[in-house]
Amino acid sequence: MTQDIVLDQGWAPPACTLPTAEQPLRVAEFDALFAETVRAVRREERERLRLELRFSPEYAARAAELTARENGCCSFFTFTLTIAGCGLTLDVAVPPEHADVLDALQARAGAAGRSTASAEAGRPA
């Protein structure tokens, strides 16, 4: 079922060289990262997305490792991880012909971000 979701949402375009059997696993890795770290999702431009992530060295390392692997199979992505002032952001850019892939990524990150925000709101201060 996960694979159907991936293909329906345009996550893995024909340009992706990751074997089809591994694509649902990669999506699950992104979903887990998003669920644990996303604080805000902003579409800067049609071809650029900014994810504000919870700050920690572990999250930064995990995001860097995952996006490096993703860039290895979907080289059209440009990932920029920025650590500044105890903040962590991940900018994702694609060429215009892959904006639909960014749409799918935004939808997944946004859904995970809402879950993260709800969980944080329920925690005692």
PDB file of N, CA and C in Angstrom:
ATOM      1  N   MET A   1       0.818  -1.194   0.000  1.00  0.00           N
ATOM      2  CA  MET A   1       0.000   0.000   0.000  1.00  0.00           C
ATOM      3  C   MET A   1       0.859   1.254   0.000  1.00  0.00           C
ATOM      4  N   THR A   2       1.949   1.271   0.764  1.00  0.00           N
ATOM      5  CA  THR A   2       2.814   2.443   0.799  1.00  0.00           C
ATOM      6  C   THR A   2       3.323   2.775  -0.596  1.00  0.00           C
ATOM      7  N   GLN A   3       3.673   1.762  -1.359  1.00  0.00           N
ATOM      8  CA  GLN A   3       4.178   2.007  -2.701  1.00  0.00           C
ATOM      9  C   GLN A   3       3.119   2.689  -3.554  1.00  0.00           C
ATOM     10  N   ASP A   4       1.856   2.298  -3.415  1.00  0.00           N
ATOM     11  CA  ASP A   4       0.785   2.947  -4.161  1.00  0.00           C
ATOM     12  C   ASP A   4       0.680   4.417  -3.795  1.00  0.00           C
ATOM     13  N   ILE A   5       0.812   4.719  -2.517  1.00  0.00           N
ATOM     14  CA  ILE A   5       0.760   6.108  -2.061  1.00  0.00           C
ATOM     15  C   ILE A   5       1.903   6.892  -2.683  1.00  0.00           C
ATOM     16  N   VAL A   6       3.078   6.296  -2.683  1.00  0.00           N
ATOM     17  CA  VAL A   6       4.245   6.961  -3.243  1.00  0.00           C
ATOM     18  C   VAL A   6       3.990   7.321  -4.696  1.00  0.00           C
ATOM     19  N   LEU A   7       3.547   6.375  -5.471  1.00  0.00           N
ATOM     20  CA  LEU A   7       3.344   6.618  -6.891  1.00  0.00           C
ATOM     21  C   LEU A   7       2.186   7.568  -7.128  1.00  0.00           C
ATOM     22  N   ASP A   8       1.116   7.456  -6.348  1.00  0.00           N
ATOM     23  CA  ASP A   8      -0.035   8.338  -6.517  1.00  0.00           C
ATOM     24  C   ASP A   8       0.320   9.789  -6.218  1.00  0.00           C
ATOM     25  N   GLN A   9       1.218  10.022  -5.284  1.00  0.00           N
ATOM     26  CA  GLN A   9       1.549  11.386  -4.909  1.00  0.00           C
ATOM     27  C   GLN A   9       2.713  11.956  -5.708  1.00  0.00           C
ATOM     28  N   GLY A  10       3.217  11.221  -6.693  1.00  0.00           N
ATOM     29  CA  GLY A  10       4.277  11.758  -7.522  1.00  0.00           C
ATOM     30  C   GLY A  10       5.622  11.820  -6.841  1.00  0.00           C
ATOM     31  N   TRP A  11       5.790  11.079  -5.787  1.00  0.00           N
ATOM     32  CA  TRP A  11       7.041  11.119  -5.026  1.00  0.00           C
ATOM     33  C   TRP A  11       8.216  10.615  -5.847  1.00  0.00           C
ATOM     34  N   ALA A  12       8.032   9.539  -6.559  1.00  0.00           N
ATOM     35  CA  ALA A  12       9.139   8.940  -7.306  1.00  0.00           C
ATOM     36  C   ALA A  12       8.915   9.104  -8.802  1.00  0.00           C
ATOM     37  N   PRO A  13       9.477  10.159  -9.379  1.00  0.00           N
ATOM     38  CA  PRO A  13       9.307  10.370 -10.815  1.00  0.00           C
ATOM     39  C   PRO A  13      10.186   9.397 -11.606  1.00  0.00           C
ATOM     40  N   PRO A  14       9.965   9.306 -12.909  1.00  0.00           N
ATOM     41  CA  PRO A  14      10.781   8.417 -13.738  1.00  0.00           C
ATOM     42  C   PRO A  14      12.284   8.702 -13.626  1.00  0.00           C
ATOM     43  N   ALA A  15      12.675   9.938 -13.295  1.00  0.00           N
ATOM     44  CA  ALA A  15      14.093  10.283 -13.174  1.00  0.00           C
ATOM     45  C   ALA A  15      14.764   9.631 -11.969  1.00  0.00           C
ATOM     46  N   CYS A  16      13.979   9.103 -11.041  1.00  0.00           N
ATOM     47  CA  CYS A  16      14.534   8.477  -9.837  1.00  0.00           C
ATOM     48  C   CYS A  16      15.173   7.142 -10.203  1.00  0.00           C
ATOM     49  N   THR A  17      16.393   6.929  -9.726  1.00  0.00           N
ATOM     50  CA  THR A  17      17.096   5.675 -10.020  1.00  0.00           C
ATOM     51  C   THR A  17      17.065   4.694  -8.852  1.00  0.00           C
ATOM     52  N   LEU A  18      16.381   5.050  -7.770  1.00  0.00           N
ATOM     53  CA  LEU A  18      16.255   4.120  -6.646  1.00  0.00           C
ATOM     54  C   LEU A  18      15.372   2.958  -7.088  1.00  0.00           C
ATOM     55  N   PRO A  19      15.797   1.711  -6.846  1.00  0.00           N
ATOM     56  CA  PRO A  19      14.963   0.574  -7.250  1.00  0.00           C
ATOM     57  C   PRO A  19      13.554   0.696  -6.662  1.00  0.00           C
ATOM     58  N   THR A  20      12.569   0.340  -7.454  1.00  0.00           N
ATOM     59  CA  THR A  20      11.161   0.467  -7.069  1.00  0.00           C
ATOM     60  C   THR A  20      10.882  -0.189  -5.724  1.00  0.00           C
ATOM     61  N   ALA A  21      11.473  -1.337  -5.470  1.00  0.00           N
ATOM     62  CA  ALA A  21      11.234  -2.047  -4.208  1.00  0.00           C
ATOM     63  C   ALA A  21      11.750  -1.274  -3.003  1.00  0.00           C
ATOM     64  N   GLU A  22      12.727  -0.393  -3.201  1.00  0.00           N
ATOM     65  CA  GLU A  22      13.302   0.383  -2.092  1.00  0.00           C
ATOM     66  C   GLU A  22      12.596   1.723  -1.875  1.00  0.00           C
ATOM     67  N   GLN A  23      11.791   2.149  -2.833  1.00  0.00           N
ATOM     68  CA  GLN A  23      11.154   3.455  -2.727  1.00  0.00           C
ATOM     69  C   GLN A  23      10.242   3.597  -1.504  1.00  0.00           C
ATOM     70  N   PRO A  24       9.409   2.607  -1.173  1.00  0.00           N
ATOM     71  CA  PRO A  24       8.585   2.754   0.036  1.00  0.00           C
ATOM     72  C   PRO A  24       9.419   2.867   1.312  1.00  0.00           C
ATOM     73  N   LEU A  25      10.570   2.212   1.332  1.00  0.00           N
ATOM     74  CA  LEU A  25      11.445   2.306   2.507  1.00  0.00           C
ATOM     75  C   LEU A  25      12.016   3.709   2.646  1.00  0.00           C
ATOM     76  N   ARG A  26      12.382   4.307   1.530  1.00  0.00           N
ATOM     77  CA  ARG A  26      12.912   5.677   1.564  1.00  0.00           C
ATOM     78  C   ARG A  26      11.833   6.650   2.011  1.00  0.00           C
ATOM     79  N   VAL A  27      10.618   6.480   1.501  1.00  0.00           N
ATOM     80  CA  VAL A  27       9.503   7.332   1.909  1.00  0.00           C
ATOM     81  C   VAL A  27       9.276   7.199   3.410  1.00  0.00           C
ATOM     82  N   ALA A  28       9.358   5.984   3.922  1.00  0.00           N
ATOM     83  CA  ALA A  28       9.177   5.757   5.361  1.00  0.00           C
ATOM     84  C   ALA A  28      10.265   6.466   6.163  1.00  0.00           C
ATOM     85  N   GLU A  29      11.482   6.501   5.636  1.00  0.00           N
ATOM     86  CA  GLU A  29      12.563   7.217   6.324  1.00  0.00           C
ATOM     87  C   GLU A  29      12.270   8.710   6.380  1.00  0.00           C
ATOM     88  N   PHE A  30      11.814   9.275   5.268  1.00  0.00           N
ATOM     89  CA  PHE A  30      11.452  10.694   5.266  1.00  0.00           C
ATOM     90  C   PHE A  30      10.269  10.946   6.200  1.00  0.00           C
ATOM     91  N   ASP A  31       9.271  10.075   6.167  1.00  0.00           N
ATOM     92  CA  ASP A  31       8.115  10.241   7.051  1.00  0.00           C
ATOM     93  C   ASP A  31       8.545  10.245   8.517  1.00  0.00           C
ATOM     94  N   ALA A  32       9.449   9.346   8.885  1.00  0.00           N
ATOM     95  CA  ALA A  32       9.920   9.279  10.277  1.00  0.00           C
ATOM     96  C   ALA A  32      10.687  10.552  10.647  1.00  0.00           C
ATOM     97  N   LEU A  33      11.554  11.012   9.755  1.00  0.00           N
ATOM     98  CA  LEU A  33      12.287  12.250  10.019  1.00  0.00           C
ATOM     99  C   LEU A  33      11.315  13.412  10.182  1.00  0.00           C
ATOM    100  N   PHE A  34      10.357  13.507   9.255  1.00  0.00           N
ATOM    101  CA  PHE A  34       9.383  14.592   9.335  1.00  0.00           C
ATOM    102  C   PHE A  34       8.578  14.524  10.624  1.00  0.00           C
ATOM    103  N   ALA A  35       8.122  13.341  10.990  1.00  0.00           N
ATOM    104  CA  ALA A  35       7.286  13.182  12.180  1.00  0.00           C
ATOM    105  C   ALA A  35       8.024  13.612  13.449  1.00  0.00           C
ATOM    106  N   GLU A  36       9.314  13.398  13.477  1.00  0.00           N
ATOM    107  CA  GLU A  36      10.092  13.732  14.672  1.00  0.00           C
ATOM    108  C   GLU A  36      10.614  15.160  14.681  1.00  0.00           C
ATOM    109  N   THR A  37      10.748  15.780  13.525  1.00  0.00           N
ATOM    110  CA  THR A  37      11.483  17.041  13.494  1.00  0.00           C
ATOM    111  C   THR A  37      10.757  18.255  12.943  1.00  0.00           C
ATOM    112  N   VAL A  38       9.777  18.091  12.067  1.00  0.00           N
ATOM    113  CA  VAL A  38       9.198  19.248  11.374  1.00  0.00           C
ATOM    114  C   VAL A  38       8.414  20.136  12.338  1.00  0.00           C
ATOM    115  N   ARG A  39       8.793  21.403  12.336  1.00  0.00           N
ATOM    116  CA  ARG A  39       8.094  22.410  13.141  1.00  0.00           C
ATOM    117  C   ARG A  39       7.257  23.323  12.268  1.00  0.00           C
ATOM    118  N   ALA A  40       7.720  23.571  11.046  1.00  0.00           N
ATOM    119  CA  ALA A  40       6.983  24.438  10.119  1.00  0.00           C
ATOM    120  C   ALA A  40       7.377  24.087   8.693  1.00  0.00           C
ATOM    121  N   VAL A  41       6.424  24.288   7.797  1.00  0.00           N
ATOM    122  CA  VAL A  41       6.629  24.031   6.372  1.00  0.00           C
ATOM    123  C   VAL A  41       6.201  25.287   5.624  1.00  0.00           C
ATOM    124  N   ARG A  42       7.112  25.803   4.798  1.00  0.00           N
ATOM    125  CA  ARG A  42       6.787  27.001   4.023  1.00  0.00           C
ATOM    126  C   ARG A  42       7.205  26.789   2.575  1.00  0.00           C
ATOM    127  N   ARG A  43       6.316  27.118   1.682  1.00  0.00           N
ATOM    128  CA  ARG A  43       6.635  27.048   0.250  1.00  0.00           C
ATOM    129  C   ARG A  43       7.141  28.416  -0.136  1.00  0.00           C
ATOM    130  N   GLU A  44       8.426  28.534  -0.285  1.00  0.00           N
ATOM    131  CA  GLU A  44       9.060  29.805  -0.612  1.00  0.00           C
ATOM    132  C   GLU A  44       8.739  30.228  -2.048  1.00  0.00           C
ATOM    133  N   GLU A  45       8.752  29.280  -2.953  1.00  0.00           N
ATOM    134  CA  GLU A  45       8.458  29.485  -4.367  1.00  0.00           C
ATOM    135  C   GLU A  45       7.908  28.169  -4.889  1.00  0.00           C
ATOM    136  N   ARG A  46       7.415  28.157  -6.099  1.00  0.00           N
ATOM    137  CA  ARG A  46       6.885  26.910  -6.662  1.00  0.00           C
ATOM    138  C   ARG A  46       7.938  25.805  -6.670  1.00  0.00           C
ATOM    139  N   GLU A  47       9.191  26.165  -6.872  1.00  0.00           N
ATOM    140  CA  GLU A  47      10.262  25.173  -6.949  1.00  0.00           C
ATOM    141  C   GLU A  47      11.113  25.102  -5.685  1.00  0.00           C
ATOM    142  N   ARG A  48      10.662  25.742  -4.592  1.00  0.00           N
ATOM    143  CA  ARG A  48      11.480  25.741  -3.372  1.00  0.00           C
ATOM    144  C   ARG A  48      10.606  25.630  -2.132  1.00  0.00           C
ATOM    145  N   LEU A  49      11.016  24.722  -1.260  1.00  0.00           N
ATOM    146  CA  LEU A  49      10.303  24.431  -0.018  1.00  0.00           C
ATOM    147  C   LEU A  49      11.271  24.604   1.145  1.00  0.00           C
ATOM    148  N   ARG A  50      10.793  25.194   2.239  1.00  0.00           N
ATOM    149  CA  ARG A  50      11.621  25.327   3.441  1.00  0.00           C
ATOM    150  C   ARG A  50      10.950  24.583   4.586  1.00  0.00           C
ATOM    151  N   LEU A  51      11.719  23.709   5.210  1.00  0.00           N
ATOM    152  CA  LEU A  51      11.258  22.968   6.388  1.00  0.00           C
ATOM    153  C   LEU A  51      12.047  23.463   7.594  1.00  0.00           C
ATOM    154  N   GLU A  52      11.343  23.921   8.601  1.00  0.00           N
ATOM    155  CA  GLU A  52      11.997  24.267   9.857  1.00  0.00           C
ATOM    156  C   GLU A  52      11.927  23.023  10.729  1.00  0.00           C
ATOM    157  N   LEU A  53      13.097  22.583  11.172  1.00  0.00           N
ATOM    158  CA  LEU A  53      13.196  21.341  11.928  1.00  0.00           C
ATOM    159  C   LEU A  53      13.569  21.620  13.379  1.00  0.00           C
ATOM    160  N   ARG A  54      13.177  20.707  14.258  1.00  0.00           N
ATOM    161  CA  ARG A  54      13.623  20.794  15.646  1.00  0.00           C
ATOM    162  C   ARG A  54      15.138  20.675  15.655  1.00  0.00           C
ATOM    163  N   PHE A  55      15.754  21.475  16.478  1.00  0.00           N
ATOM    164  CA  PHE A  55      17.211  21.524  16.490  1.00  0.00           C
ATOM    165  C   PHE A  55      17.812  20.463  17.401  1.00  0.00           C
ATOM    166  N   SER A  56      18.745  19.728  16.859  1.00  0.00           N
ATOM    167  CA  SER A  56      19.643  18.864  17.625  1.00  0.00           C
ATOM    168  C   SER A  56      20.727  18.391  16.668  1.00  0.00           C
ATOM    169  N   PRO A  57      21.914  18.134  17.174  1.00  0.00           N
ATOM    170  CA  PRO A  57      22.967  17.605  16.300  1.00  0.00           C
ATOM    171  C   PRO A  57      22.560  16.277  15.651  1.00  0.00           C
ATOM    172  N   GLU A  58      21.810  15.471  16.376  1.00  0.00           N
ATOM    173  CA  GLU A  58      21.377  14.182  15.831  1.00  0.00           C
ATOM    174  C   GLU A  58      20.418  14.372  14.658  1.00  0.00           C
ATOM    175  N   TYR A  59      19.468  15.294  14.793  1.00  0.00           N
ATOM    176  CA  TYR A  59      18.529  15.546  13.700  1.00  0.00           C
ATOM    177  C   TYR A  59      19.261  16.126  12.484  1.00  0.00           C
ATOM    178  N   ALA A  60      20.230  17.008  12.730  1.00  0.00           N
ATOM    179  CA  ALA A  60      20.993  17.588  11.625  1.00  0.00           C
ATOM    180  C   ALA A  60      21.753  16.495  10.880  1.00  0.00           C
ATOM    181  N   ALA A  61      22.382  15.607  11.622  1.00  0.00           N
ATOM    182  CA  ALA A  61      23.140  14.523  10.994  1.00  0.00           C
ATOM    183  C   ALA A  61      22.214  13.582  10.226  1.00  0.00           C
ATOM    184  N   ARG A  62      21.088  13.279  10.808  1.00  0.00           N
ATOM    185  CA  ARG A  62      20.129  12.387  10.154  1.00  0.00           C
ATOM    186  C   ARG A  62      19.579  12.990   8.873  1.00  0.00           C
ATOM    187  N   ALA A  63      19.227  14.276   8.924  1.00  0.00           N
ATOM    188  CA  ALA A  63      18.720  14.959   7.737  1.00  0.00           C
ATOM    189  C   ALA A  63      19.796  15.014   6.650  1.00  0.00           C
ATOM    190  N   ALA A  64      21.030  15.293   7.039  1.00  0.00           N
ATOM    191  CA  ALA A  64      22.124  15.359   6.067  1.00  0.00           C
ATOM    192  C   ALA A  64      22.349  14.003   5.410  1.00  0.00           C
ATOM    193  N   GLU A  65      22.356  12.957   6.185  1.00  0.00           N
ATOM    194  CA  GLU A  65      22.604  11.616   5.652  1.00  0.00           C
ATOM    195  C   GLU A  65      21.480  11.181   4.718  1.00  0.00           C
ATOM    196  N   LEU A  66      20.239  11.415   5.119  1.00  0.00           N
ATOM    197  CA  LEU A  66      19.094  11.005   4.320  1.00  0.00           C
ATOM    198  C   LEU A  66      19.014  11.800   3.011  1.00  0.00           C
ATOM    199  N   THR A  67      19.225  13.093   3.086  1.00  0.00           N
ATOM    200  CA  THR A  67      19.137  13.897   1.867  1.00  0.00           C
ATOM    201  C   THR A  67      20.307  13.609   0.928  1.00  0.00           C
ATOM    202  N   ALA A  68      21.467  13.270   1.466  1.00  0.00           N
ATOM    203  CA  ALA A  68      22.595  12.886   0.606  1.00  0.00           C
ATOM    204  C   ALA A  68      22.275  11.604  -0.154  1.00  0.00           C
ATOM    205  N   ARG A  69      21.663  10.641   0.529  1.00  0.00           N
ATOM    206  CA  ARG A  69      21.273   9.405  -0.152  1.00  0.00           C
ATOM    207  C   ARG A  69      20.197   9.676  -1.198  1.00  0.00           C
ATOM    208  N   GLU A  70      19.244  10.538  -0.862  1.00  0.00           N
ATOM    209  CA  GLU A  70      18.167  10.857  -1.807  1.00  0.00           C
ATOM    210  C   GLU A  70      18.726  11.554  -3.048  1.00  0.00           C
ATOM    211  N   ASN A  71      19.680  12.439  -2.845  1.00  0.00           N
ATOM    212  CA  ASN A  71      20.282  13.129  -3.978  1.00  0.00           C
ATOM    213  C   ASN A  71      21.046  12.162  -4.878  1.00  0.00           C
ATOM    214  N   GLY A  72      21.486  11.049  -4.313  1.00  0.00           N
ATOM    215  CA  GLY A  72      22.183  10.036  -5.100  1.00  0.00           C
ATOM    216  C   GLY A  72      21.289   9.345  -6.116  1.00  0.00           C
ATOM    217  N   CYS A  73      19.989   9.271  -5.849  1.00  0.00           N
ATOM    218  CA  CYS A  73      19.077   8.601  -6.783  1.00  0.00           C
ATOM    219  C   CYS A  73      18.162   9.586  -7.501  1.00  0.00           C
ATOM    220  N   CYS A  74      17.962  10.746  -6.930  1.00  0.00           N
ATOM    221  CA  CYS A  74      17.130  11.786  -7.546  1.00  0.00           C
ATOM    222  C   CYS A  74      17.967  13.062  -7.587  1.00  0.00           C
ATOM    223  N   SER A  75      18.871  13.108  -8.549  1.00  0.00           N
ATOM    224  CA  SER A  75      19.853  14.189  -8.592  1.00  0.00           C
ATOM    225  C   SER A  75      19.254  15.553  -8.926  1.00  0.00           C
ATOM    226  N   PHE A  76      17.977  15.594  -9.282  1.00  0.00           N
ATOM    227  CA  PHE A  76      17.344  16.881  -9.576  1.00  0.00           C
ATOM    228  C   PHE A  76      17.077  17.684  -8.311  1.00  0.00           C
ATOM    229  N   PHE A  77      17.093  17.037  -7.126  1.00  0.00           N
ATOM    230  CA  PHE A  77      16.900  17.756  -5.866  1.00  0.00           C
ATOM    231  C   PHE A  77      18.151  18.558  -5.519  1.00  0.00           C
ATOM    232  N   THR A  78      17.933  19.733  -4.945  1.00  0.00           N
ATOM    233  CA  THR A  78      19.001  20.474  -4.285  1.00  0.00           C
ATOM    234  C   THR A  78      18.564  20.634  -2.839  1.00  0.00           C
ATOM    235  N   PHE A  79      19.311  20.041  -1.935  1.00  0.00           N
ATOM    236  CA  PHE A  79      19.019  20.133  -0.511  1.00  0.00           C
ATOM    237  C   PHE A  79      20.050  21.053   0.122  1.00  0.00           C
ATOM    238  N   THR A  80      19.579  21.979   0.959  1.00  0.00           N
ATOM    239  CA  THR A  80      20.467  22.871   1.695  1.00  0.00           C
ATOM    240  C   THR A  80      20.068  22.813   3.162  1.00  0.00           C
ATOM    241  N   LEU A  81      20.942  22.261   3.971  1.00  0.00           N
ATOM    242  CA  LEU A  81      20.706  22.159   5.407  1.00  0.00           C
ATOM    243  C   LEU A  81      21.466  23.290   6.073  1.00  0.00           C
ATOM    244  N   THR A  82      20.752  24.105   6.848  1.00  0.00           N
ATOM    245  CA  THR A  82      21.362  25.265   7.495  1.00  0.00           C
ATOM    246  C   THR A  82      21.204  25.153   9.005  1.00  0.00           C
ATOM    247  N   ILE A  83      22.327  25.312   9.688  1.00  0.00           N
ATOM    248  CA  ILE A  83      22.333  25.328  11.150  1.00  0.00           C
ATOM    249  C   ILE A  83      22.813  26.715  11.554  1.00  0.00           C
ATOM    250  N   ALA A  84      21.951  27.460  12.230  1.00  0.00           N
ATOM    251  CA  ALA A  84      22.303  28.813  12.639  1.00  0.00           C
ATOM    252  C   ALA A  84      21.449  29.224  13.822  1.00  0.00           C
ATOM    253  N   GLY A  85      22.079  29.825  14.822  1.00  0.00           N
ATOM    254  CA  GLY A  85      21.350  30.359  15.966  1.00  0.00           C
ATOM    255  C   GLY A  85      20.437  29.347  16.634  1.00  0.00           C
ATOM    256  N   CYS A  86      20.905  28.148  16.842  1.00  0.00           N
ATOM    257  CA  CYS A  86      20.116  27.057  17.440  1.00  0.00           C
ATOM    258  C   CYS A  86      18.872  26.726  16.615  1.00  0.00           C
ATOM    259  N   GLY A  87      18.942  26.991  15.324  1.00  0.00           N
ATOM    260  CA  GLY A  87      17.860  26.639  14.420  1.00  0.00           C
ATOM    261  C   GLY A  87      18.377  25.692  13.355  1.00  0.00           C
ATOM    262  N   LEU A  88      17.467  24.920  12.801  1.00  0.00           N
ATOM    263  CA  LEU A  88      17.812  23.954  11.771  1.00  0.00           C
ATOM    264  C   LEU A  88      16.773  24.059  10.668  1.00  0.00           C
ATOM    265  N   THR A  89      17.215  24.375   9.460  1.00  0.00           N
ATOM    266  CA  THR A  89      16.287  24.439   8.329  1.00  0.00           C
ATOM    267  C   THR A  89      16.806  23.561   7.203  1.00  0.00           C
ATOM    268  N   LEU A  90      15.852  23.007   6.480  1.00  0.00           N
ATOM    269  CA  LEU A  90      16.161  22.218   5.302  1.00  0.00           C
ATOM    270  C   LEU A  90      15.410  22.846   4.135  1.00  0.00           C
ATOM    271  N   ASP A  91      16.165  23.398   3.194  1.00  0.00           N
ATOM    272  CA  ASP A  91      15.581  23.940   1.981  1.00  0.00           C
ATOM    273  C   ASP A  91      15.689  22.879   0.897  1.00  0.00           C
ATOM    274  N   VAL A  92      14.604  22.703   0.165  1.00  0.00           N
ATOM    275  CA  VAL A  92      14.552  21.722  -0.914  1.00  0.00           C
ATOM    276  C   VAL A  92      14.142  22.459  -2.175  1.00  0.00           C
ATOM    277  N   ALA A  93      14.978  22.348  -3.204  1.00  0.00           N
ATOM    278  CA  ALA A  93      14.679  22.994  -4.485  1.00  0.00           C
ATOM    279  C   ALA A  93      14.686  21.944  -5.589  1.00  0.00           C
ATOM    280  N   VAL A  94      13.834  22.172  -6.579  1.00  0.00           N
ATOM    281  CA  VAL A  94      13.742  21.290  -7.742  1.00  0.00           C
ATOM    282  C   VAL A  94      13.591  22.149  -8.994  1.00  0.00           C
ATOM    283  N   PRO A  95      13.925  21.605 -10.152  1.00  0.00           N
ATOM    284  CA  PRO A  95      13.636  22.332 -11.387  1.00  0.00           C
ATOM    285  C   PRO A  95      12.127  22.361 -11.638  1.00  0.00           C
ATOM    286  N   PRO A  96      11.653  23.297 -12.441  1.00  0.00           N
ATOM    287  CA  PRO A  96      10.204  23.442 -12.663  1.00  0.00           C
ATOM    288  C   PRO A  96       9.502  22.154 -13.065  1.00  0.00           C
ATOM    289  N   GLU A  97      10.138  21.320 -13.846  1.00  0.00           N
ATOM    290  CA  GLU A  97       9.472  20.092 -14.306  1.00  0.00           C
ATOM    291  C   GLU A  97       9.264  19.058 -13.193  1.00  0.00           C
ATOM    292  N   HIS A  98       9.853  19.294 -12.015  1.00  0.00           N
ATOM    293  CA  HIS A  98       9.668  18.376 -10.888  1.00  0.00           C
ATOM    294  C   HIS A  98       8.923  19.018  -9.721  1.00  0.00           C
ATOM    295  N   ALA A  99       8.213  20.111  -9.984  1.00  0.00           N
ATOM    296  CA  ALA A  99       7.457  20.782  -8.916  1.00  0.00           C
ATOM    297  C   ALA A  99       6.405  19.866  -8.316  1.00  0.00           C
ATOM    298  N   ASP A 100       5.873  18.914  -9.093  1.00  0.00           N
ATOM    299  CA  ASP A 100       4.890  17.976  -8.548  1.00  0.00           C
ATOM    300  C   ASP A 100       5.498  17.074  -7.487  1.00  0.00           C
ATOM    301  N   VAL A 101       6.783  16.763  -7.613  1.00  0.00           N
ATOM    302  CA  VAL A 101       7.471  15.968  -6.591  1.00  0.00           C
ATOM    303  C   VAL A 101       7.578  16.791  -5.315  1.00  0.00           C
ATOM    304  N   LEU A 102       7.856  18.077  -5.465  1.00  0.00           N
ATOM    305  CA  LEU A 102       7.932  18.962  -4.304  1.00  0.00           C
ATOM    306  C   LEU A 102       6.565  19.107  -3.647  1.00  0.00           C
ATOM    307  N   ASP A 103       5.497  19.111  -4.446  1.00  0.00           N
ATOM    308  CA  ASP A 103       4.140  19.142  -3.904  1.00  0.00           C
ATOM    309  C   ASP A 103       3.913  17.936  -2.978  1.00  0.00           C
ATOM    310  N   ALA A 104       4.324  16.760  -3.448  1.00  0.00           N
ATOM    311  CA  ALA A 104       4.150  15.535  -2.654  1.00  0.00           C
ATOM    312  C   ALA A 104       4.984  15.584  -1.379  1.00  0.00           C
ATOM    313  N   LEU A 105       6.214  16.078  -1.491  1.00  0.00           N
ATOM    314  CA  LEU A 105       7.081  16.202  -0.318  1.00  0.00           C
ATOM    315  C   LEU A 105       6.478  17.174   0.687  1.00  0.00           C
ATOM    316  N   GLN A 106       5.954  18.293   0.199  1.00  0.00           N
ATOM    317  CA  GLN A 106       5.331  19.280   1.074  1.00  0.00           C
ATOM    318  C   GLN A 106       4.121  18.685   1.796  1.00  0.00           C
ATOM    319  N   ALA A 107       3.313  17.934   1.089  1.00  0.00           N
ATOM    320  CA  ALA A 107       2.128  17.330   1.702  1.00  0.00           C
ATOM    321  C   ALA A 107       2.522  16.382   2.824  1.00  0.00           C
ATOM    322  N   ARG A 108       3.545  15.563   2.582  1.00  0.00           N
ATOM    323  CA  ARG A 108       3.982  14.606   3.606  1.00  0.00           C
ATOM    324  C   ARG A 108       4.594  15.340   4.797  1.00  0.00           C
ATOM    325  N   ALA A 109       5.448  16.319   4.533  1.00  0.00           N
ATOM    326  CA  ALA A 109       6.085  17.072   5.613  1.00  0.00           C
ATOM    327  C   ALA A 109       5.060  17.877   6.396  1.00  0.00           C
ATOM    328  N   GLY A 110       4.090  18.464   5.690  1.00  0.00           N
ATOM    329  CA  GLY A 110       3.051  19.250   6.358  1.00  0.00           C
ATOM    330  C   GLY A 110       2.191  18.401   7.269  1.00  0.00           C
ATOM    331  N   ALA A 111       1.825  17.225   6.818  1.00  0.00           N
ATOM    332  CA  ALA A 111       1.025  16.319   7.648  1.00  0.00           C
ATOM    333  C   ALA A 111       1.811  15.900   8.886  1.00  0.00           C
ATOM    334  N   ALA A 112       3.085  15.603   8.697  1.00  0.00           N
ATOM    335  CA  ALA A 112       3.929  15.215   9.830  1.00  0.00           C
ATOM    336  C   ALA A 112       4.141  16.394  10.768  1.00  0.00           C
ATOM    337  N   GLY A 113       4.302  17.592  10.204  1.00  0.00           N
ATOM    338  CA  GLY A 113       4.503  18.785  11.019  1.00  0.00           C
ATOM    339  C   GLY A 113       3.309  19.088  11.891  1.00  0.00           C
ATOM    340  N   ARG A 114       2.111  18.878  11.358  1.00  0.00           N
ATOM    341  CA  ARG A 114       0.900  19.095  12.169  1.00  0.00           C
ATOM    342  C   ARG A 114       0.859  18.099  13.323  1.00  0.00           C
ATOM    343  N   SER A 115       1.272  16.875  13.075  1.00  0.00           N
ATOM    344  CA  SER A 115       1.306  15.862  14.133  1.00  0.00           C
ATOM    345  C   SER A 115       2.337  16.223  15.191  1.00  0.00           C
ATOM    346  N   THR A 116       3.511  16.714  14.747  1.00  0.00           N
ATOM    347  CA  THR A 116       4.559  17.114  15.680  1.00  0.00           C
ATOM    348  C   THR A 116       4.089  18.277  16.545  1.00  0.00           C
ATOM    349  N   ALA A 117       3.455  19.282  15.911  1.00  0.00           N
ATOM    350  CA  ALA A 117       2.976  20.453  16.646  1.00  0.00           C
ATOM    351  C   ALA A 117       1.912  20.048  17.667  1.00  0.00           C
ATOM    352  N   SER A 118       1.030  19.139  17.298  1.00  0.00           N
ATOM    353  CA  SER A 118      -0.008  18.676  18.221  1.00  0.00           C
ATOM    354  C   SER A 118       0.607  17.961  19.409  1.00  0.00           C
ATOM    355  N   ALA A 119       1.612  17.142  19.155  1.00  0.00           N
ATOM    356  CA  ALA A 119       2.283  16.410  20.235  1.00  0.00           C
ATOM    357  C   ALA A 119       3.005  17.369  21.174  1.00  0.00           C
ATOM    358  N   GLU A 120       3.679  18.377  20.591  1.00  0.00           N
ATOM    359  CA  GLU A 120       4.394  19.350  21.422  1.00  0.00           C
ATOM    360  C   GLU A 120       3.432  20.184  22.248  1.00  0.00           C
ATOM    361  N   ALA A 121       2.278  20.514  21.700  1.00  0.00           N
ATOM    362  CA  ALA A 121       1.278  21.303  22.423  1.00  0.00           C
ATOM    363  C   ALA A 121       0.749  20.547  23.623  1.00  0.00           C
ATOM    364  N   GLY A 122       0.707  19.234  23.547  1.00  0.00           N
ATOM    365  CA  GLY A 122       0.183  18.423  24.636  1.00  0.00           C
ATOM    366  C   GLY A 122       1.190  18.125  25.733  1.00  0.00           C
ATOM    367  N   ARG A 123       2.464  18.473  25.505  1.00  0.00           N
ATOM    368  CA  ARG A 123       3.492  18.218  26.520  1.00  0.00           C
ATOM    369  C   ARG A 123       3.452  19.270  27.618  1.00  0.00           C
ATOM    370  N   PRO A 124       3.699  18.864  28.857  1.00  0.00           N
ATOM    371  CA  PRO A 124       3.785  19.866  29.928  1.00  0.00           C
ATOM    372  C   PRO A 124       5.008  20.748  29.738  1.00  0.00           C
ATOM    373  N   ALA A 125       4.876  22.005  30.112  1.00  0.00           N
ATOM    374  CA  ALA A 125       6.000  22.958  29.959  1.00  0.00           C
ATOM    375  C   ALA A 125       7.052  22.762  30.993  1.00  0.00           C
TER     376      ALA A 125
END
